[in-house]
Structure formats: C-alpha cells, structure tokens
Amino acid sequence: MASLIWTVVVVLFVLWLVGFSLHIAGALINLLLVLALIGIIYNVLVGRRAV
C-alpha cells in the first residue's frame, strides 16, 4: 500500500510541475498533491505507532 501511495505522489508531483509550467488544471493538481501529502503523513504516523 505504501508503494502505491509513493507512486501516486510521484505522478502527481510530475503532473504538478507540468501543470505549473503550462497552466493546465493547476488548481486541481495542487489539490490532489496536497491530499496525497496528507495521506503520506497519516501513513507515516500510523506506521510508527504500529511498530
């Protein structure tokens, strides 16, 4: 599951860079990137508690 989240973050980051440079759906990509980062932070915190 964690590798899937990292893949999503990398894809969103690349899309964010492309959208930032070409002004294509910038707001939507920024929103998705923020949601992905929140998901990663949540997984990091939950993972540390489980160990």
PDB file of N, CA and C in Angstrom:
ATOM      1  N   MET A   1       0.818  -1.200   0.000  1.00  0.00           N
ATOM      2  CA  MET A   1       0.000   0.000   0.000  1.00  0.00           C
ATOM      3  C   MET A   1       0.857   1.259   0.000  1.00  0.00           C
ATOM      4  N   ALA A   2       1.955   1.211   0.733  1.00  0.00           N
ATOM      5  CA  ALA A   2       2.818   2.391   0.821  1.00  0.00           C
ATOM      6  C   ALA A   2       3.467   2.684  -0.525  1.00  0.00           C
ATOM      7  N   SER A   3       3.847   1.641  -1.265  1.00  0.00           N
ATOM      8  CA  SER A   3       4.467   1.881  -2.572  1.00  0.00           C
ATOM      9  C   SER A   3       3.465   2.493  -3.546  1.00  0.00           C
ATOM     10  N   LEU A   4       2.212   2.118  -3.413  1.00  0.00           N
ATOM     11  CA  LEU A   4       1.175   2.707  -4.254  1.00  0.00           C
ATOM     12  C   LEU A   4       1.025   4.191  -3.953  1.00  0.00           C
ATOM     13  N   ILE A   5       1.071   4.552  -2.702  1.00  0.00           N
ATOM     14  CA  ILE A   5       0.949   5.959  -2.319  1.00  0.00           C
ATOM     15  C   ILE A   5       2.141   6.749  -2.832  1.00  0.00           C
ATOM     16  N   TRP A   6       3.348   6.180  -2.720  1.00  0.00           N
ATOM     17  CA  TRP A   6       4.528   6.870  -3.230  1.00  0.00           C
ATOM     18  C   TRP A   6       4.437   7.054  -4.737  1.00  0.00           C
ATOM     19  N   THR A   7       3.899   6.050  -5.433  1.00  0.00           N
ATOM     20  CA  THR A   7       3.729   6.163  -6.884  1.00  0.00           C
ATOM     21  C   THR A   7       2.765   7.286  -7.222  1.00  0.00           C
ATOM     22  N   VAL A   8       1.674   7.365  -6.491  1.00  0.00           N
ATOM     23  CA  VAL A   8       0.692   8.423  -6.720  1.00  0.00           C
ATOM     24  C   VAL A   8       1.317   9.787  -6.467  1.00  0.00           C
ATOM     25  N   VAL A   9       2.109   9.904  -5.414  1.00  0.00           N
ATOM     26  CA  VAL A   9       2.743  11.184  -5.094  1.00  0.00           C
ATOM     27  C   VAL A   9       3.709  11.593  -6.200  1.00  0.00           C
ATOM     28  N   VAL A  10       4.495  10.658  -6.696  1.00  0.00           N
ATOM     29  CA  VAL A  10       5.453  10.982  -7.760  1.00  0.00           C
ATOM     30  C   VAL A  10       4.715  11.415  -9.018  1.00  0.00           C
ATOM     31  N   VAL A  11       3.660  10.685  -9.386  1.00  0.00           N
ATOM     32  CA  VAL A  11       2.884  11.041 -10.578  1.00  0.00           C
ATOM     33  C   VAL A  11       2.252  12.416 -10.400  1.00  0.00           C
ATOM     34  N   LEU A  12       1.675  12.680  -9.246  1.00  0.00           N
ATOM     35  CA  LEU A  12       1.057  13.979  -9.002  1.00  0.00           C
ATOM     36  C   LEU A  12       2.091  15.100  -9.008  1.00  0.00           C
ATOM     37  N   PHE A  13       3.272  14.823  -8.485  1.00  0.00           N
ATOM     38  CA  PHE A  13       4.320  15.836  -8.477  1.00  0.00           C
ATOM     39  C   PHE A  13       4.748  16.183  -9.896  1.00  0.00           C
ATOM     40  N   VAL A  14       4.897  15.157 -10.739  1.00  0.00           N
ATOM     41  CA  VAL A  14       5.263  15.406 -12.135  1.00  0.00           C
ATOM     42  C   VAL A  14       4.155  16.172 -12.838  1.00  0.00           C
ATOM     43  N   LEU A  15       2.908  15.762 -12.620  1.00  0.00           N
ATOM     44  CA  LEU A  15       1.785  16.472 -13.225  1.00  0.00           C
ATOM     45  C   LEU A  15       1.707  17.912 -12.722  1.00  0.00           C
ATOM     46  N   TRP A  16       2.033  18.103 -11.453  1.00  0.00           N
ATOM     47  CA  TRP A  16       2.010  19.445 -10.883  1.00  0.00           C
ATOM     48  C   TRP A  16       3.057  20.322 -11.564  1.00  0.00           C
ATOM     49  N   LEU A  17       4.249  19.761 -11.785  1.00  0.00           N
ATOM     50  CA  LEU A  17       5.287  20.520 -12.466  1.00  0.00           C
ATOM     51  C   LEU A  17       4.876  20.867 -13.888  1.00  0.00           C
ATOM     52  N   VAL A  18       4.280  19.903 -14.592  1.00  0.00           N
ATOM     53  CA  VAL A  18       3.821  20.160 -15.956  1.00  0.00           C
ATOM     54  C   VAL A  18       2.702  21.192 -15.943  1.00  0.00           C
ATOM     55  N   GLY A  19       1.755  21.039 -15.044  1.00  0.00           N
ATOM     56  CA  GLY A  19       0.643  21.983 -14.942  1.00  0.00           C
ATOM     57  C   GLY A  19       1.100  23.366 -14.529  1.00  0.00           C
ATOM     58  N   PHE A  20       2.112  23.419 -13.690  1.00  0.00           N
ATOM     59  CA  PHE A  20       2.635  24.711 -13.245  1.00  0.00           C
ATOM     60  C   PHE A  20       3.297  25.443 -14.398  1.00  0.00           C
ATOM     61  N   SER A  21       4.002  24.689 -15.238  1.00  0.00           N
ATOM     62  CA  SER A  21       4.694  25.332 -16.349  1.00  0.00           C
ATOM     63  C   SER A  21       3.759  25.632 -17.517  1.00  0.00           C
ATOM     64  N   LEU A  22       2.730  24.828 -17.712  1.00  0.00           N
ATOM     65  CA  LEU A  22       1.831  25.023 -18.848  1.00  0.00           C
ATOM     66  C   LEU A  22       0.459  25.583 -18.454  1.00  0.00           C
ATOM     67  N   HIS A  23       0.214  25.761 -17.172  1.00  0.00           N
ATOM     68  CA  HIS A  23      -1.056  26.280 -16.648  1.00  0.00           C
ATOM     69  C   HIS A  23      -2.245  25.406 -17.065  1.00  0.00           C
ATOM     70  N   ILE A  24      -2.085  24.098 -16.935  1.00  0.00           N
ATOM     71  CA  ILE A  24      -3.154  23.155 -17.268  1.00  0.00           C
ATOM     72  C   ILE A  24      -3.664  22.539 -15.972  1.00  0.00           C
ATOM     73  N   ALA A  25      -4.907  22.812 -15.622  1.00  0.00           N
ATOM     74  CA  ALA A  25      -5.558  22.233 -14.448  1.00  0.00           C
ATOM     75  C   ALA A  25      -4.702  22.365 -13.193  1.00  0.00           C
ATOM     76  N   GLY A  26      -4.078  23.509 -13.023  1.00  0.00           N
ATOM     77  CA  GLY A  26      -3.168  23.723 -11.906  1.00  0.00           C
ATOM     78  C   GLY A  26      -3.828  23.589 -10.548  1.00  0.00           C
ATOM     79  N   ALA A  27      -5.004  24.124 -10.401  1.00  0.00           N
ATOM     80  CA  ALA A  27      -5.667  24.086  -9.103  1.00  0.00           C
ATOM     81  C   ALA A  27      -6.046  22.658  -8.715  1.00  0.00           C
ATOM     82  N   LEU A  28      -6.538  21.890  -9.660  1.00  0.00           N
ATOM     83  CA  LEU A  28      -6.929  20.509  -9.364  1.00  0.00           C
ATOM     84  C   LEU A  28      -5.712  19.676  -8.996  1.00  0.00           C
ATOM     85  N   ILE A  29      -4.628  19.830  -9.728  1.00  0.00           N
ATOM     86  CA  ILE A  29      -3.421  19.068  -9.435  1.00  0.00           C
ATOM     87  C   ILE A  29      -2.844  19.480  -8.085  1.00  0.00           C
ATOM     88  N   ASN A  30      -2.877  20.771  -7.768  1.00  0.00           N
ATOM     89  CA  ASN A  30      -2.405  21.220  -6.460  1.00  0.00           C
ATOM     90  C   ASN A  30      -3.247  20.620  -5.343  1.00  0.00           C
ATOM     91  N   LEU A  31      -4.546  20.576  -5.524  1.00  0.00           N
ATOM     92  CA  LEU A  31      -5.423  19.988  -4.525  1.00  0.00           C
ATOM     93  C   LEU A  31      -5.124  18.506  -4.341  1.00  0.00           C
ATOM     94  N   LEU A  32      -4.951  17.773  -5.430  1.00  0.00           N
ATOM     95  CA  LEU A  32      -4.647  16.348  -5.341  1.00  0.00           C
ATOM     96  C   LEU A  32      -3.283  16.114  -4.700  1.00  0.00           C
ATOM     97  N   LEU A  33      -2.318  16.973  -4.983  1.00  0.00           N
ATOM     98  CA  LEU A  33      -0.998  16.842  -4.380  1.00  0.00           C
ATOM     99  C   LEU A  33      -1.072  17.057  -2.869  1.00  0.00           C
ATOM    100  N   VAL A  34      -1.831  18.027  -2.433  1.00  0.00           N
ATOM    101  CA  VAL A  34      -1.990  18.270  -1.000  1.00  0.00           C
ATOM    102  C   VAL A  34      -2.673  17.077  -0.337  1.00  0.00           C
ATOM    103  N   LEU A  35      -3.702  16.524  -0.971  1.00  0.00           N
ATOM    104  CA  LEU A  35      -4.381  15.350  -0.408  1.00  0.00           C
ATOM    105  C   LEU A  35      -3.436  14.152  -0.325  1.00  0.00           C
ATOM    106  N   ALA A  36      -2.600  13.971  -1.335  1.00  0.00           N
ATOM    107  CA  ALA A  36      -1.636  12.865  -1.306  1.00  0.00           C
ATOM    108  C   ALA A  36      -0.622  13.057  -0.182  1.00  0.00           C
ATOM    109  N   LEU A  37      -0.167  14.280   0.022  1.00  0.00           N
ATOM    110  CA  LEU A  37       0.785  14.546   1.109  1.00  0.00           C
ATOM    111  C   LEU A  37       0.151  14.306   2.474  1.00  0.00           C
ATOM    112  N   ILE A  38      -1.110  14.661   2.622  1.00  0.00           N
ATOM    113  CA  ILE A  38      -1.812  14.389   3.876  1.00  0.00           C
ATOM    114  C   ILE A  38      -1.902  12.885   4.099  1.00  0.00           C
ATOM    115  N   GLY A  39      -2.172  12.134   3.038  1.00  0.00           N
ATOM    116  CA  GLY A  39      -2.221  10.677   3.149  1.00  0.00           C
ATOM    117  C   GLY A  39      -0.880  10.081   3.547  1.00  0.00           C
ATOM    118  N   ILE A  40       0.207  10.609   3.000  1.00  0.00           N
ATOM    119  CA  ILE A  40       1.538  10.108   3.361  1.00  0.00           C
ATOM    120  C   ILE A  40       1.854  10.414   4.817  1.00  0.00           C
ATOM    121  N   ILE A  41       1.563  11.612   5.252  1.00  0.00           N
ATOM    122  CA  ILE A  41       1.819  11.974   6.648  1.00  0.00           C
ATOM    123  C   ILE A  41       1.020  11.086   7.579  1.00  0.00           C
ATOM    124  N   TYR A  42      -0.224  10.812   7.225  1.00  0.00           N
ATOM    125  CA  TYR A  42      -1.060   9.927   8.035  1.00  0.00           C
ATOM    126  C   TYR A  42      -0.456   8.530   8.094  1.00  0.00           C
ATOM    127  N   ASN A  43      -0.014   7.997   6.951  1.00  0.00           N
ATOM    128  CA  ASN A  43       0.569   6.658   6.929  1.00  0.00           C
ATOM    129  C   ASN A  43       1.863   6.591   7.714  1.00  0.00           C
ATOM    130  N   VAL A  44       2.659   7.640   7.670  1.00  0.00           N
ATOM    131  CA  VAL A  44       3.900   7.661   8.440  1.00  0.00           C
ATOM    132  C   VAL A  44       3.589   7.641   9.939  1.00  0.00           C
ATOM    133  N   LEU A  45       2.619   8.437  10.349  1.00  0.00           N
ATOM    134  CA  LEU A  45       2.269   8.468  11.770  1.00  0.00           C
ATOM    135  C   LEU A  45       1.664   7.166  12.243  1.00  0.00           C
ATOM    136  N   VAL A  46       0.786   6.577  11.466  1.00  0.00           N
ATOM    137  CA  VAL A  46       0.155   5.301  11.850  1.00  0.00           C
ATOM    138  C   VAL A  46       1.187   4.182  11.825  1.00  0.00           C
ATOM    139  N   GLY A  47       2.094   4.199  10.848  1.00  0.00           N
ATOM    140  CA  GLY A  47       3.125   3.174  10.747  1.00  0.00           C
ATOM    141  C   GLY A  47       4.070   3.187  11.935  1.00  0.00           C
ATOM    142  N   ARG A  48       4.376   4.344  12.442  1.00  0.00           N
ATOM    143  CA  ARG A  48       5.278   4.440  13.608  1.00  0.00           C
ATOM    144  C   ARG A  48       4.596   3.924  14.863  1.00  0.00           C
ATOM    145  N   ARG A  49       3.298   4.126  14.969  1.00  0.00           N
ATOM    146  CA  ARG A  49       2.592   3.630  16.150  1.00  0.00           C
ATOM    147  C   ARG A  49       2.487   2.112  16.136  1.00  0.00           C
ATOM    148  N   ALA A  50       2.361   1.522  14.950  1.00  0.00           N
ATOM    149  CA  ALA A  50       2.192   0.078  14.836  1.00  0.00           C
ATOM    150  C   ALA A  50       3.489  -0.666  15.159  1.00  0.00           C
ATOM    151  N   VAL A  51       4.630  -0.008  14.966  1.00  0.00           N
ATOM    152  CA  VAL A  51       5.922  -0.673  15.181  1.00  0.00           C
ATOM    153  C   VAL A  51       6.322  -0.547  16.583  1.00  0.00           C
TER     154      VAL A  51
END
